[in-house]
Amino acid sequence: MTPDTASERPVLAPAEPAWEHRGRALADELLAVMGPLALRIEHIGSTAIPGMAAKPVFDLQASVEDLAAASLDFEQPLAGLGFGRSPYERDHVPAGSFDDPARWGKRLWVRRGASGAEGEDVNLHVRVAGSPNERLALLFRDWFRAHPEAVPAYAAFKRTLAGAVADTGTYADVKDPVVDLVVTVAEPWAAATGWRP
């Protein structure tokens, strides 16, 4: 059964210092299971940003060379860890970009309500190494890590939004353009500092 996370109600939790460590540990655990097709797995999203309020769901990103091959090879080991494949196979192309939407392809596996020591809720985004959506996820995280003064304002926006919408699908649709705005500020920072994914 494929998890339908878009219909969940968005609930934000205050930042937890343990999230960063647990996200890294989850990434290491998944990398051990997903074998050589996963070039690397990184903790991304709000739980990877110190001080950021977030849905208590760990976003992880697996970078691969071949999305189709990874899709087939990851299915069984991820199912064994309680993950179900989501129907979403493409990320939002940022506003103002005329990039080919095909370059923003991904695969998404979701785990909710698992039990035991490895029971955290996780969104596992599988993206092509060097793709624009792989880069954007890392840039967004790293810009906020380098600019902690921006964290409270973004967290306040997310709390307000979560209280105003009924489901995570709407939450994501409204949040996407704000992410686009953050990235327009993050790009000059990346160029000035020589940041690389």
C-alpha atoms as a PDB file:
ATOM      1  CA  MET A   1       0.000   0.000   0.000  1.00  0.00           C
ATOM      2  CA  THR A   2       1.376   3.406  -0.949  1.00  0.00           C
ATOM      3  CA  PRO A   3       1.267   5.971   1.859  1.00  0.00           C
ATOM      4  CA  ASP A   4      -0.828   9.022   1.021  1.00  0.00           C
ATOM      5  CA  THR A   5       1.000  11.620   3.058  1.00  0.00           C
ATOM      6  CA  ALA A   6      -0.560  14.565   1.187  1.00  0.00           C
ATOM      7  CA  SER A   7      -3.789  14.154   3.167  1.00  0.00           C
ATOM      8  CA  GLU A   8      -2.084  14.276   6.583  1.00  0.00           C
ATOM      9  CA  ARG A   9      -2.639  17.341   8.706  1.00  0.00           C
ATOM     10  CA  PRO A  10       0.603  19.373   9.012  1.00  0.00           C
ATOM     11  CA  VAL A  11       1.776  19.432  12.623  1.00  0.00           C
ATOM     12  CA  LEU A  12       4.957  21.287  13.523  1.00  0.00           C
ATOM     13  CA  ALA A  13       7.099  20.482  16.523  1.00  0.00           C
ATOM     14  CA  PRO A  14       9.656  22.743  18.207  1.00  0.00           C
ATOM     15  CA  ALA A  15      13.229  22.108  17.129  1.00  0.00           C
ATOM     16  CA  GLU A  16      14.905  19.142  18.813  1.00  0.00           C
ATOM     17  CA  PRO A  17      18.702  19.179  19.157  1.00  0.00           C
ATOM     18  CA  ALA A  18      18.699  15.382  18.714  1.00  0.00           C
ATOM     19  CA  TRP A  19      17.223  15.614  15.201  1.00  0.00           C
ATOM     20  CA  GLU A  20      20.543  16.406  13.564  1.00  0.00           C
ATOM     21  CA  HIS A  21      22.304  13.402  15.105  1.00  0.00           C
ATOM     22  CA  ARG A  22      19.383  11.034  14.450  1.00  0.00           C
ATOM     23  CA  GLY A  23      19.096  12.208  10.835  1.00  0.00           C
ATOM     24  CA  ARG A  24      22.764  11.411  10.241  1.00  0.00           C
ATOM     25  CA  ALA A  25      22.323   8.012  11.879  1.00  0.00           C
ATOM     26  CA  LEU A  26      19.281   7.223   9.732  1.00  0.00           C
ATOM     27  CA  ALA A  27      21.218   8.227   6.613  1.00  0.00           C
ATOM     28  CA  ASP A  28      24.049   5.875   7.592  1.00  0.00           C
ATOM     29  CA  GLU A  29      21.613   3.036   8.306  1.00  0.00           C
ATOM     30  CA  LEU A  30      19.901   3.425   4.936  1.00  0.00           C
ATOM     31  CA  LEU A  31      23.181   3.697   3.054  1.00  0.00           C
ATOM     32  CA  ALA A  32      24.226   0.338   4.496  1.00  0.00           C
ATOM     33  CA  VAL A  33      21.007  -1.245   3.192  1.00  0.00           C
ATOM     34  CA  MET A  34      20.800   0.482  -0.192  1.00  0.00           C
ATOM     35  CA  GLY A  35      24.218  -0.573  -1.371  1.00  0.00           C
ATOM     36  CA  PRO A  36      26.424   0.895  -4.059  1.00  0.00           C
ATOM     37  CA  LEU A  37      23.617   2.424  -6.145  1.00  0.00           C
ATOM     38  CA  ALA A  38      23.183   5.079  -3.474  1.00  0.00           C
ATOM     39  CA  LEU A  39      26.267   7.254  -3.922  1.00  0.00           C
ATOM     40  CA  ARG A  40      25.466   9.090  -0.697  1.00  0.00           C
ATOM     41  CA  ILE A  41      22.512   9.712   1.602  1.00  0.00           C
ATOM     42  CA  GLU A  42      22.178  13.025   3.403  1.00  0.00           C
ATOM     43  CA  HIS A  43      19.881  14.485   6.020  1.00  0.00           C
ATOM     44  CA  ILE A  44      18.030  17.413   4.438  1.00  0.00           C
ATOM     45  CA  GLY A  45      14.972  19.523   5.189  1.00  0.00           C
ATOM     46  CA  SER A  46      13.967  21.329   8.334  1.00  0.00           C
ATOM     47  CA  THR A  47      15.019  18.652  10.817  1.00  0.00           C
ATOM     48  CA  ALA A  48      18.575  19.092   9.452  1.00  0.00           C
ATOM     49  CA  ILE A  49      18.613  22.811  10.337  1.00  0.00           C
ATOM     50  CA  PRO A  50      19.468  23.663  13.963  1.00  0.00           C
ATOM     51  CA  GLY A  51      16.706  25.592  15.702  1.00  0.00           C
ATOM     52  CA  MET A  52      14.117  25.053  12.950  1.00  0.00           C
ATOM     53  CA  ALA A  53      10.580  24.025  13.887  1.00  0.00           C
ATOM     54  CA  ALA A  54       9.542  21.116  11.712  1.00  0.00           C
ATOM     55  CA  LYS A  55       7.112  18.350  11.093  1.00  0.00           C
ATOM     56  CA  PRO A  56       8.620  15.445  13.075  1.00  0.00           C
ATOM     57  CA  VAL A  57       9.511  13.655   9.846  1.00  0.00           C
ATOM     58  CA  PHE A  58      13.093  13.131   8.702  1.00  0.00           C
ATOM     59  CA  ASP A  59      13.765  14.093   5.097  1.00  0.00           C
ATOM     60  CA  LEU A  60      16.689  12.179   3.640  1.00  0.00           C
ATOM     61  CA  GLN A  61      18.130  12.449   0.140  1.00  0.00           C
ATOM     62  CA  ALA A  62      19.762   9.548  -1.681  1.00  0.00           C
ATOM     63  CA  SER A  63      21.882  10.592  -4.661  1.00  0.00           C
ATOM     64  CA  VAL A  64      22.092   8.083  -7.505  1.00  0.00           C
ATOM     65  CA  GLU A  65      23.458   7.961 -11.030  1.00  0.00           C
ATOM     66  CA  ASP A  66      20.479   6.129 -12.565  1.00  0.00           C
ATOM     67  CA  LEU A  67      17.014   6.852 -11.225  1.00  0.00           C
ATOM     68  CA  ALA A  68      15.302   3.976 -13.046  1.00  0.00           C
ATOM     69  CA  ALA A  69      17.810   1.371 -11.832  1.00  0.00           C
ATOM     70  CA  ALA A  70      17.671   2.716  -8.301  1.00  0.00           C
ATOM     71  CA  SER A  71      13.874   2.589  -8.350  1.00  0.00           C
ATOM     72  CA  LEU A  72      13.946  -1.140  -9.051  1.00  0.00           C
ATOM     73  CA  ASP A  73      16.821  -2.054  -6.758  1.00  0.00           C
ATOM     74  CA  PHE A  74      15.628  -0.038  -3.755  1.00  0.00           C
ATOM     75  CA  GLU A  75      12.055  -1.331  -3.719  1.00  0.00           C
ATOM     76  CA  GLN A  76      12.607  -4.598  -1.817  1.00  0.00           C
ATOM     77  CA  PRO A  77      15.112  -3.436   0.829  1.00  0.00           C
ATOM     78  CA  LEU A  78      13.059  -0.326   1.573  1.00  0.00           C
ATOM     79  CA  ALA A  79       9.831  -2.339   1.836  1.00  0.00           C
ATOM     80  CA  GLY A  80      11.618  -4.503   4.404  1.00  0.00           C
ATOM     81  CA  LEU A  81      12.224  -1.355   6.481  1.00  0.00           C
ATOM     82  CA  GLY A  82       8.575  -0.286   6.319  1.00  0.00           C
ATOM     83  CA  PHE A  83       8.818   2.163   3.401  1.00  0.00           C
ATOM     84  CA  GLY A  84       6.121   2.483   0.751  1.00  0.00           C
ATOM     85  CA  ARG A  85       6.607   4.070  -2.646  1.00  0.00           C
ATOM     86  CA  SER A  86       4.865   7.408  -3.194  1.00  0.00           C
ATOM     87  CA  PRO A  87       3.339   8.273  -6.569  1.00  0.00           C
ATOM     88  CA  TYR A  88       5.203  11.619  -6.664  1.00  0.00           C
ATOM     89  CA  GLU A  89       7.969  11.427  -9.261  1.00  0.00           C
ATOM     90  CA  ARG A  90       8.855  15.060  -9.860  1.00  0.00           C
ATOM     91  CA  ASP A  91       9.808  18.039  -7.763  1.00  0.00           C
ATOM     92  CA  HIS A  92       8.455  21.552  -8.102  1.00  0.00           C
ATOM     93  CA  VAL A  93      10.441  23.579 -10.652  1.00  0.00           C
ATOM     94  CA  PRO A  94      11.196  26.960  -9.031  1.00  0.00           C
ATOM     95  CA  ALA A  95       9.152  29.934 -10.150  1.00  0.00           C
ATOM     96  CA  GLY A  96      10.856  31.898 -12.897  1.00  0.00           C
ATOM     97  CA  SER A  97      12.904  28.904 -14.028  1.00  0.00           C
ATOM     98  CA  PHE A  98      12.445  27.651 -17.564  1.00  0.00           C
ATOM     99  CA  ASP A  99      14.280  24.425 -16.820  1.00  0.00           C
ATOM    100  CA  ASP A 100      12.998  21.193 -18.351  1.00  0.00           C
ATOM    101  CA  PRO A 101      10.712  19.581 -15.724  1.00  0.00           C
ATOM    102  CA  ALA A 102      12.195  16.194 -16.650  1.00  0.00           C
ATOM    103  CA  ARG A 103      15.443  17.289 -14.987  1.00  0.00           C
ATOM    104  CA  TRP A 104      13.522  17.508 -11.695  1.00  0.00           C
ATOM    105  CA  GLY A 105      12.553  13.836 -11.576  1.00  0.00           C
ATOM    106  CA  LYS A 106      12.820  11.851  -8.361  1.00  0.00           C
ATOM    107  CA  ARG A 107      11.490   8.821  -6.571  1.00  0.00           C
ATOM    108  CA  LEU A 108      10.019   9.089  -3.111  1.00  0.00           C
ATOM    109  CA  TRP A 109       9.621   6.439  -0.443  1.00  0.00           C
ATOM    110  CA  VAL A 110       7.732   7.194   2.765  1.00  0.00           C
ATOM    111  CA  ARG A 111       7.639   5.504   6.155  1.00  0.00           C
ATOM    112  CA  ARG A 112       4.995   6.368   8.723  1.00  0.00           C
ATOM    113  CA  GLY A 113       4.175   4.814  12.055  1.00  0.00           C
ATOM    114  CA  ALA A 114       6.873   2.128  12.019  1.00  0.00           C
ATOM    115  CA  SER A 115       7.632   0.474  15.331  1.00  0.00           C
ATOM    116  CA  GLY A 116      10.849  -0.332  17.128  1.00  0.00           C
ATOM    117  CA  ALA A 117      14.194   1.432  17.267  1.00  0.00           C
ATOM    118  CA  GLU A 118      14.065   2.332  13.592  1.00  0.00           C
ATOM    119  CA  GLY A 119      10.540   3.654  13.756  1.00  0.00           C
ATOM    120  CA  GLU A 120      11.012   7.301  12.879  1.00  0.00           C
ATOM    121  CA  ASP A 121       8.808   8.772  10.169  1.00  0.00           C
ATOM    122  CA  VAL A 122      10.932   9.361   7.078  1.00  0.00           C
ATOM    123  CA  ASN A 123      10.590  10.796   3.580  1.00  0.00           C
ATOM    124  CA  LEU A 124      13.363   9.357   1.397  1.00  0.00           C
ATOM    125  CA  HIS A 125      13.871  11.481  -1.733  1.00  0.00           C
ATOM    126  CA  VAL A 126      15.928   9.699  -4.401  1.00  0.00           C
ATOM    127  CA  ARG A 127      17.411  12.147  -6.897  1.00  0.00           C
ATOM    128  CA  VAL A 128      20.048  12.053  -9.607  1.00  0.00           C
ATOM    129  CA  ALA A 129      23.492  13.198  -8.482  1.00  0.00           C
ATOM    130  CA  GLY A 130      24.221  16.604  -9.983  1.00  0.00           C
ATOM    131  CA  SER A 131      20.565  17.311 -10.808  1.00  0.00           C
ATOM    132  CA  PRO A 132      19.067  20.712  -9.986  1.00  0.00           C
ATOM    133  CA  ASN A 133      16.668  19.280  -7.406  1.00  0.00           C
ATOM    134  CA  GLU A 134      19.457  17.392  -5.603  1.00  0.00           C
ATOM    135  CA  ARG A 135      21.443  20.636  -5.469  1.00  0.00           C
ATOM    136  CA  LEU A 136      18.494  22.760  -4.317  1.00  0.00           C
ATOM    137  CA  ALA A 137      17.790  20.527  -1.309  1.00  0.00           C
ATOM    138  CA  LEU A 138      21.389  20.838  -0.132  1.00  0.00           C
ATOM    139  CA  LEU A 139      21.654  24.556  -0.844  1.00  0.00           C
ATOM    140  CA  PHE A 140      18.456  25.286   1.098  1.00  0.00           C
ATOM    141  CA  ARG A 141      19.749  23.354   4.114  1.00  0.00           C
ATOM    142  CA  ASP A 142      23.253  24.788   4.024  1.00  0.00           C
ATOM    143  CA  TRP A 143      22.113  28.394   3.534  1.00  0.00           C
ATOM    144  CA  PHE A 144      19.959  28.213   6.673  1.00  0.00           C
ATOM    145  CA  ARG A 145      22.782  26.537   8.597  1.00  0.00           C
ATOM    146  CA  ALA A 146      25.031  29.441   7.617  1.00  0.00           C
ATOM    147  CA  HIS A 147      22.341  32.040   8.437  1.00  0.00           C
ATOM    148  CA  PRO A 148      20.793  31.063  11.788  1.00  0.00           C
ATOM    149  CA  GLU A 149      19.343  34.571  12.104  1.00  0.00           C
ATOM    150  CA  ALA A 150      16.891  33.651   9.296  1.00  0.00           C
ATOM    151  CA  VAL A 151      15.627  30.511  11.032  1.00  0.00           C
ATOM    152  CA  PRO A 152      13.070  32.125  13.413  1.00  0.00           C
ATOM    153  CA  ALA A 153      11.263  34.001  10.627  1.00  0.00           C
ATOM    154  CA  TYR A 154      10.989  30.940   8.387  1.00  0.00           C
ATOM    155  CA  ALA A 155       9.883  28.795  11.331  1.00  0.00           C
ATOM    156  CA  ALA A 156       7.193  31.361  12.235  1.00  0.00           C
ATOM    157  CA  PHE A 157       5.933  31.313   8.643  1.00  0.00           C
ATOM    158  CA  LYS A 158       5.710  27.524   8.734  1.00  0.00           C
ATOM    159  CA  ARG A 159       3.843  27.516  12.047  1.00  0.00           C
ATOM    160  CA  THR A 160       1.314  30.031  10.715  1.00  0.00           C
ATOM    161  CA  LEU A 161       0.877  28.065   7.507  1.00  0.00           C
ATOM    162  CA  ALA A 162       0.462  24.746   9.321  1.00  0.00           C
ATOM    163  CA  GLY A 163      -2.316  26.279  11.409  1.00  0.00           C
ATOM    164  CA  ALA A 164      -4.100  27.655   8.355  1.00  0.00           C
ATOM    165  CA  VAL A 165      -4.288  24.612   6.063  1.00  0.00           C
ATOM    166  CA  ALA A 166      -5.914  21.228   6.427  1.00  0.00           C
ATOM    167  CA  ASP A 167      -3.367  18.923   4.781  1.00  0.00           C
ATOM    168  CA  THR A 168       0.311  18.566   3.951  1.00  0.00           C
ATOM    169  CA  GLY A 169      -0.380  18.690   0.215  1.00  0.00           C
ATOM    170  CA  THR A 170      -1.688  22.240   0.514  1.00  0.00           C
ATOM    171  CA  TYR A 171       1.057  23.055   3.006  1.00  0.00           C
ATOM    172  CA  ALA A 172       3.711  22.024   0.467  1.00  0.00           C
ATOM    173  CA  ASP A 173       2.024  23.889  -2.403  1.00  0.00           C
ATOM    174  CA  VAL A 174       1.988  27.155  -0.432  1.00  0.00           C
ATOM    175  CA  LYS A 175       5.486  26.646   0.961  1.00  0.00           C
ATOM    176  CA  ASP A 176       7.138  25.948  -2.426  1.00  0.00           C
ATOM    177  CA  PRO A 177       7.135  29.591  -3.629  1.00  0.00           C
ATOM    178  CA  VAL A 178       8.636  30.700  -0.305  1.00  0.00           C
ATOM    179  CA  VAL A 179      11.403  28.125  -0.757  1.00  0.00           C
ATOM    180  CA  ASP A 180      11.947  29.643  -4.222  1.00  0.00           C
ATOM    181  CA  LEU A 181      12.455  33.050  -2.587  1.00  0.00           C
ATOM    182  CA  VAL A 182      14.953  31.639  -0.090  1.00  0.00           C
ATOM    183  CA  VAL A 183      16.896  30.083  -2.944  1.00  0.00           C
ATOM    184  CA  THR A 184      17.106  33.411  -4.804  1.00  0.00           C
ATOM    185  CA  VAL A 185      18.970  34.742  -1.760  1.00  0.00           C
ATOM    186  CA  ALA A 186      20.976  31.550  -1.303  1.00  0.00           C
ATOM    187  CA  GLU A 187      22.331  31.495  -4.865  1.00  0.00           C
ATOM    188  CA  PRO A 188      24.420  34.690  -4.524  1.00  0.00           C
ATOM    189  CA  TRP A 189      25.707  33.377  -1.181  1.00  0.00           C
ATOM    190  CA  ALA A 190      26.723  30.102  -2.866  1.00  0.00           C
ATOM    191  CA  ALA A 191      28.540  31.987  -5.617  1.00  0.00           C
ATOM    192  CA  ALA A 192      30.295  34.335  -3.176  1.00  0.00           C
ATOM    193  CA  THR A 193      31.444  31.588  -0.831  1.00  0.00           C
ATOM    194  CA  GLY A 194      32.241  28.915  -3.415  1.00  0.00           C
ATOM    195  CA  TRP A 195      29.646  26.587  -1.879  1.00  0.00           C
ATOM    196  CA  ARG A 196      29.319  23.233  -3.603  1.00  0.00           C
ATOM    197  CA  PRO A 197      26.933  20.355  -2.841  1.00  0.00           C
END
